[in-house]
Amino acid sequence: MQQAGIRAVESLMTPERRVCYDPLAVVFLDENLQRRYRLSLKNKFQRSLWIWSVRKDPGGTRAEGVARTRYIDDYSQACIKDGVEQVVILGAGFDSRAYRLKAFSKVKVFEVDHPNTQKTKAARLKTVLKEWPTWVTLVPVDFEKDRLDEKLLAAGYRRDLKTLFIWEGVTPYLTAEAVDRTLSLVVANSSPGSSIIFDYLHASAVDPGSKDKWAKALQTRCERLGEPIRFGIEGSEIETFLAARGFSQVKRVTASNLTELCFKGQNSKRQVCPFAEIVHATIGPPQ
């Protein structure tokens, strides 16, 4: 819900200032924040105050969050235009791409998450959608009990179609074993030429002994939220890491890349968290 709040506030900005636009994010907020959002739409001072409070982001994690949303939005739409036939959103949470981006209506979308999270999400979306999108299939998975591949296949997923896997905001909270297991399932159940995009943190920032004050602040905040950070990998190692697991054409997207793409003009003073990155790669050998 925290990331939905960041996207909601970003969407209050004028088109020339905002990095991403997610008009559905507000429905995932709690009642107090929804009330504040409605007030911000009517009151310019309240809107400016809320935007200022969220943009006051010395660690750059909020800027990274909206830049990440923007990058994955653009990348996924380009993949669909390039022939992707189905999209799997792993740990979908309150991701709204399948409902707000027109390109997603042209493919089959499978949203994978815990059944309790999906129940809440569906209930919130039904308050603003005229009807449930025919292209979206919710795939409830209890990762402690269920096999991802079995649940996907039972829901209608096809191994022979060109697929894009979106895995956003998940890997830092998994064990290394869980990350490996998921990547193995993706490779084993995808046609050659399919792809994956996900974000990750540098191992040095995940290390409990890190001296970086913003890394320590992030670790502390996640601990308080009950979601401790567990997994990280250095950006310089990501290509070798994915190649060893059956991927090719690995593209690393650094904080500098995101800054250059998203933060110009009125946004030039916003900084992206330096130890958070995005990567996308092709499943199987180079085509």
Protein backbone atom coordinates (compact mmCIF):
# COMPACT_ATOMS: atom_id res chain seq x y z
CA MET A 1 0.00 0.00 0.00
CA GLN A 2 2.96 2.32 0.60
CA GLN A 3 3.95 2.30 -3.07
CA ALA A 4 0.34 2.92 -4.09
CA GLY A 5 0.39 6.01 -1.88
CA ILE A 6 3.56 7.29 -3.56
CA ARG A 7 2.00 6.76 -7.00
CA ALA A 8 -1.22 8.47 -5.90
CA VAL A 9 0.63 11.58 -4.74
CA GLU A 10 2.77 11.64 -7.89
CA SER A 11 -0.46 11.56 -9.91
CA LEU A 12 -1.65 14.75 -8.16
CA MET A 13 1.11 16.69 -9.88
CA THR A 14 0.67 18.51 -13.17
CA PRO A 15 1.54 16.52 -16.31
CA GLU A 16 4.83 18.35 -16.82
CA ARG A 17 5.98 17.57 -13.25
CA ARG A 18 4.83 14.02 -12.66
CA VAL A 19 7.00 11.06 -13.55
CA CYS A 20 4.24 8.45 -13.61
CA TYR A 21 0.45 8.61 -13.69
CA ASP A 22 -1.71 6.12 -11.83
CA PRO A 23 -5.26 7.42 -11.29
CA LEU A 24 -6.28 4.08 -9.76
CA ALA A 25 -3.68 4.12 -6.97
CA VAL A 26 -5.96 6.13 -4.68
CA VAL A 27 -8.49 3.29 -4.35
CA PHE A 28 -5.87 1.17 -2.58
CA LEU A 29 -5.27 3.72 0.18
CA ASP A 30 -6.85 3.55 3.62
CA GLU A 31 -9.84 5.78 4.43
CA ASN A 32 -7.74 8.55 6.01
CA LEU A 33 -5.43 8.83 3.01
CA GLN A 34 -8.34 8.67 0.56
CA ARG A 35 -9.96 11.53 2.44
CA ARG A 36 -6.71 13.51 2.28
CA TYR A 37 -6.48 12.76 -1.43
CA ARG A 38 -9.99 14.11 -2.08
CA LEU A 39 -9.18 17.22 -0.05
CA SER A 40 -6.00 17.72 -2.08
CA LEU A 41 -8.03 17.71 -5.30
CA LYS A 42 -10.08 20.63 -3.99
CA ASN A 43 -7.47 22.56 -2.01
CA LYS A 44 -4.33 23.72 -3.79
CA PHE A 45 -2.46 24.43 -0.54
CA GLN A 46 -3.21 20.97 0.88
CA ARG A 47 -2.19 19.38 -2.41
CA SER A 48 1.11 21.28 -2.49
CA LEU A 49 1.81 20.41 1.15
CA TRP A 50 1.25 16.69 0.57
CA ILE A 51 3.34 16.66 -2.58
CA TRP A 52 6.15 18.49 -0.76
CA SER A 53 6.08 16.03 2.13
CA VAL A 54 6.41 13.04 -0.21
CA ARG A 55 9.04 14.66 -2.43
CA LYS A 56 11.12 15.37 0.69
CA ASP A 57 12.96 12.16 -0.03
CA PRO A 58 16.67 12.38 0.86
CA GLY A 59 17.19 8.64 0.45
CA GLY A 60 15.69 8.66 -3.03
CA THR A 61 13.48 5.60 -2.45
CA ARG A 62 10.25 7.42 -3.34
CA ALA A 63 11.77 8.91 -6.48
CA GLU A 64 13.03 5.44 -7.38
CA GLY A 65 9.53 4.05 -6.86
CA VAL A 66 7.84 6.38 -9.34
CA ALA A 67 10.71 6.13 -11.83
CA ARG A 68 10.51 2.35 -11.59
CA THR A 69 6.78 2.47 -12.30
CA ARG A 70 7.37 4.70 -15.31
CA TYR A 71 10.14 2.49 -16.70
CA ILE A 72 8.20 -0.75 -16.31
CA ASP A 73 5.08 0.87 -17.78
CA ASP A 74 7.03 1.90 -20.88
CA TYR A 75 8.93 -1.39 -21.16
CA SER A 76 5.85 -3.59 -20.82
CA GLN A 77 3.91 -1.60 -23.43
CA ALA A 78 6.86 -1.87 -25.82
CA CYS A 79 7.00 -5.64 -25.25
CA ILE A 80 3.31 -6.02 -26.04
CA LYS A 81 3.74 -3.94 -29.19
CA ASP A 82 6.65 -6.23 -30.10
CA GLY A 83 4.56 -9.39 -29.92
CA VAL A 84 4.19 -10.49 -26.29
CA GLU A 85 0.98 -12.53 -26.04
CA GLN A 86 0.58 -12.92 -22.29
CA VAL A 87 1.82 -11.11 -19.18
CA VAL A 88 2.40 -12.62 -15.74
CA ILE A 89 2.63 -10.17 -12.84
CA LEU A 90 4.35 -11.93 -9.95
CA GLY A 91 3.49 -10.66 -6.47
CA ALA A 92 1.07 -8.24 -8.13
CA GLY A 93 0.01 -6.52 -4.91
CA PHE A 94 -1.65 -3.23 -5.80
CA ASP A 95 -0.16 -3.02 -9.29
CA SER A 96 -2.73 -1.38 -11.57
CA ARG A 97 -1.12 -1.72 -15.02
CA ALA A 98 -3.60 -4.27 -16.32
CA TYR A 99 -6.44 -1.85 -15.59
CA ARG A 100 -5.00 1.53 -16.58
CA LEU A 101 -2.77 0.80 -19.59
CA LYS A 102 -4.70 0.14 -22.79
CA ALA A 103 -1.98 -2.12 -24.23
CA PHE A 104 -2.70 -4.74 -21.56
CA SER A 105 -6.24 -5.23 -22.87
CA LYS A 106 -4.70 -6.80 -25.99
CA VAL A 107 -3.08 -9.72 -24.14
CA LYS A 108 -3.93 -12.25 -21.45
CA VAL A 109 -2.80 -11.03 -18.03
CA PHE A 110 -2.24 -13.31 -15.03
CA GLU A 111 -1.90 -11.59 -11.66
CA VAL A 112 -0.21 -13.83 -9.10
CA ASP A 113 -0.47 -13.06 -5.39
CA HIS A 114 -1.70 -14.27 -2.02
CA PRO A 115 -5.49 -14.83 -2.04
CA ASN A 116 -6.08 -12.37 0.83
CA THR A 117 -4.30 -9.57 -1.02
CA GLN A 118 -6.19 -10.35 -4.21
CA LYS A 119 -9.53 -10.31 -2.42
CA THR A 120 -8.84 -6.83 -1.05
CA LYS A 121 -7.56 -5.57 -4.39
CA ALA A 122 -10.52 -6.88 -6.38
CA ALA A 123 -13.02 -5.38 -3.92
CA ARG A 124 -11.37 -1.95 -4.19
CA LEU A 125 -11.15 -2.04 -7.99
CA LYS A 126 -14.79 -3.05 -8.37
CA THR A 127 -15.80 0.23 -6.75
CA VAL A 128 -14.37 2.18 -9.73
CA LEU A 129 -14.46 -0.25 -12.68
CA LYS A 130 -17.68 -0.61 -14.65
CA GLU A 131 -16.96 -4.30 -15.16
CA TRP A 132 -14.12 -6.71 -14.46
CA PRO A 133 -11.62 -6.79 -17.38
CA THR A 134 -12.00 -9.98 -19.39
CA TRP A 135 -8.25 -10.07 -20.06
CA VAL A 136 -7.28 -10.29 -16.37
CA THR A 137 -7.12 -13.57 -14.48
CA LEU A 138 -6.32 -13.56 -10.78
CA VAL A 139 -4.14 -16.50 -9.76
CA PRO A 140 -4.24 -16.97 -5.97
CA VAL A 141 -1.03 -18.56 -4.74
CA ASP A 142 0.01 -19.31 -1.20
CA PHE A 143 3.75 -19.58 -1.74
CA GLU A 144 4.13 -21.60 1.46
CA LYS A 145 1.85 -24.35 0.11
CA ASP A 146 1.31 -24.01 -3.63
CA ARG A 147 3.46 -24.47 -6.73
CA LEU A 148 3.48 -21.41 -8.95
CA ASP A 149 3.68 -23.35 -12.22
CA GLU A 150 0.77 -25.62 -11.32
CA LYS A 151 -1.44 -22.69 -10.35
CA LEU A 152 -0.58 -20.76 -13.52
CA LEU A 153 -1.28 -23.71 -15.82
CA ALA A 154 -4.59 -24.41 -14.07
CA ALA A 155 -5.57 -20.76 -14.65
CA GLY A 156 -5.00 -21.02 -18.40
CA TYR A 157 -1.38 -19.96 -18.75
CA ARG A 158 0.27 -21.34 -21.90
CA ARG A 159 3.93 -22.33 -22.02
CA ASP A 160 4.08 -21.90 -25.81
CA LEU A 161 3.21 -18.21 -25.94
CA LYS A 162 5.66 -15.32 -25.85
CA THR A 163 5.39 -14.04 -22.29
CA LEU A 164 6.51 -11.09 -20.20
CA PHE A 165 7.00 -11.61 -16.47
CA ILE A 166 6.82 -8.48 -14.30
CA TRP A 167 8.28 -8.88 -10.83
CA GLU A 168 8.22 -5.48 -9.14
CA GLY A 169 8.97 -4.65 -5.52
CA VAL A 170 9.38 -8.29 -4.48
CA THR A 171 12.94 -9.63 -4.64
CA PRO A 172 14.37 -7.62 -1.70
CA TYR A 173 11.98 -9.37 0.69
CA LEU A 174 12.72 -12.92 -0.47
CA THR A 175 15.46 -15.32 0.46
CA ALA A 176 18.11 -16.10 -2.13
CA GLU A 177 16.61 -19.59 -2.39
CA ALA A 178 13.15 -18.17 -3.16
CA VAL A 179 14.57 -15.89 -5.85
CA ASP A 180 16.38 -18.84 -7.46
CA ARG A 181 13.28 -21.02 -7.27
CA THR A 182 11.11 -18.41 -8.97
CA LEU A 183 13.62 -17.73 -11.74
CA SER A 184 13.93 -21.47 -12.38
CA LEU A 185 10.16 -21.82 -12.67
CA VAL A 186 10.03 -18.90 -15.10
CA VAL A 187 12.71 -20.42 -17.35
CA ALA A 188 11.21 -23.92 -17.20
CA ASN A 189 7.73 -22.74 -18.11
CA SER A 190 8.36 -20.15 -20.81
CA SER A 191 8.87 -20.23 -24.54
CA PRO A 192 12.21 -18.98 -25.92
CA GLY A 193 12.15 -15.23 -26.47
CA SER A 194 9.95 -14.54 -23.48
CA SER A 195 11.30 -12.02 -20.99
CA ILE A 196 11.36 -10.86 -17.38
CA ILE A 197 11.77 -7.47 -15.73
CA PHE A 198 12.35 -6.94 -12.03
CA ASP A 199 13.97 -4.58 -9.55
CA TYR A 200 16.56 -5.41 -6.93
CA LEU A 201 18.80 -3.84 -4.30
CA HIS A 202 22.57 -3.97 -4.13
CA ALA A 203 23.89 -6.59 -1.75
CA SER A 204 26.00 -3.94 -0.02
CA ALA A 205 22.82 -2.06 0.94
CA VAL A 206 21.12 -5.20 2.23
CA ASP A 207 24.13 -6.11 4.39
CA PRO A 208 23.26 -5.46 8.08
CA GLY A 209 26.77 -4.10 8.49
CA SER A 210 26.30 -1.43 5.81
CA LYS A 211 27.68 2.00 6.73
CA ASP A 212 25.43 3.83 4.27
CA LYS A 213 22.95 5.87 6.31
CA TRP A 214 20.18 5.62 3.72
CA ALA A 215 20.62 1.86 3.47
CA LYS A 216 20.38 1.64 7.24
CA ALA A 217 17.27 3.85 7.21
CA LEU A 218 15.65 1.60 4.59
CA GLN A 219 16.51 -1.53 6.57
CA THR A 220 15.03 -0.03 9.73
CA ARG A 221 11.84 1.08 8.01
CA CYS A 222 11.28 -2.32 6.44
CA GLU A 223 11.88 -4.04 9.77
CA ARG A 224 9.23 -1.84 11.38
CA LEU A 225 6.78 -2.73 8.62
CA GLY A 226 7.41 -6.42 9.23
CA GLU A 227 9.05 -6.88 5.83
CA PRO A 228 12.79 -7.23 6.47
CA ILE A 229 15.15 -6.93 3.51
CA ARG A 230 16.78 -10.26 2.73
CA PHE A 231 18.11 -10.39 -0.81
CA GLY A 232 20.47 -8.22 -2.79
CA ILE A 233 22.98 -8.51 -5.61
CA GLU A 234 25.55 -6.05 -6.86
CA GLY A 235 24.69 -4.48 -10.20
CA SER A 236 28.06 -5.46 -11.62
CA GLU A 237 27.14 -9.11 -11.03
CA ILE A 238 23.57 -9.14 -12.36
CA GLU A 239 24.44 -10.17 -15.93
CA THR A 240 26.52 -13.16 -14.80
CA PHE A 241 23.87 -14.03 -12.19
CA LEU A 242 21.06 -14.20 -14.77
CA ALA A 243 23.14 -15.84 -17.49
CA ALA A 244 23.91 -18.70 -15.11
CA ARG A 245 20.16 -19.17 -14.63
CA GLY A 246 19.19 -19.40 -18.30
CA PHE A 247 18.76 -15.76 -19.36
CA SER A 248 20.41 -13.70 -22.07
CA GLN A 249 20.34 -10.12 -23.43
CA VAL A 250 20.52 -8.77 -19.90
CA LYS A 251 19.90 -5.03 -19.62
CA ARG A 252 20.84 -3.30 -16.37
CA VAL A 253 19.00 -0.06 -15.58
CA THR A 254 20.91 1.94 -12.98
CA ALA A 255 19.91 4.87 -10.79
CA SER A 256 21.78 7.13 -13.21
CA ASN A 257 19.78 5.72 -16.13
CA LEU A 258 16.50 6.40 -14.30
CA THR A 259 17.62 9.91 -13.37
CA GLU A 260 18.47 10.70 -16.97
CA LEU A 261 15.14 9.31 -18.18
CA CYS A 262 12.77 10.76 -15.58
CA PHE A 263 14.26 13.67 -13.72
CA LYS A 264 14.82 16.69 -15.91
CA GLY A 265 13.62 20.28 -15.87
CA GLN A 266 11.40 20.88 -12.83
CA ASN A 267 12.37 17.44 -11.49
CA SER A 268 16.12 17.87 -11.87
CA LYS A 269 16.73 18.12 -8.11
CA ARG A 270 15.03 14.81 -7.33
CA GLN A 271 17.48 11.99 -6.64
CA VAL A 272 17.05 8.26 -7.20
CA CYS A 273 18.15 5.80 -4.53
CA PRO A 274 21.68 4.82 -5.69
CA PHE A 275 21.48 1.19 -4.58
CA ALA A 276 18.20 0.25 -6.31
CA GLU A 277 18.19 -0.94 -9.92
CA ILE A 278 16.00 -2.59 -12.57
CA VAL A 279 16.99 -5.38 -14.90
CA HIS A 280 15.28 -7.06 -17.84
CA ALA A 281 16.42 -10.11 -19.73
CA THR A 282 15.38 -12.63 -22.37
CA ILE A 283 14.59 -16.20 -21.39
CA GLY A 284 16.81 -18.68 -23.19
CA PRO A 285 19.75 -18.10 -25.56
CA PRO A 286 19.98 -14.98 -27.75
CA GLN A 287 17.44 -15.03 -30.58
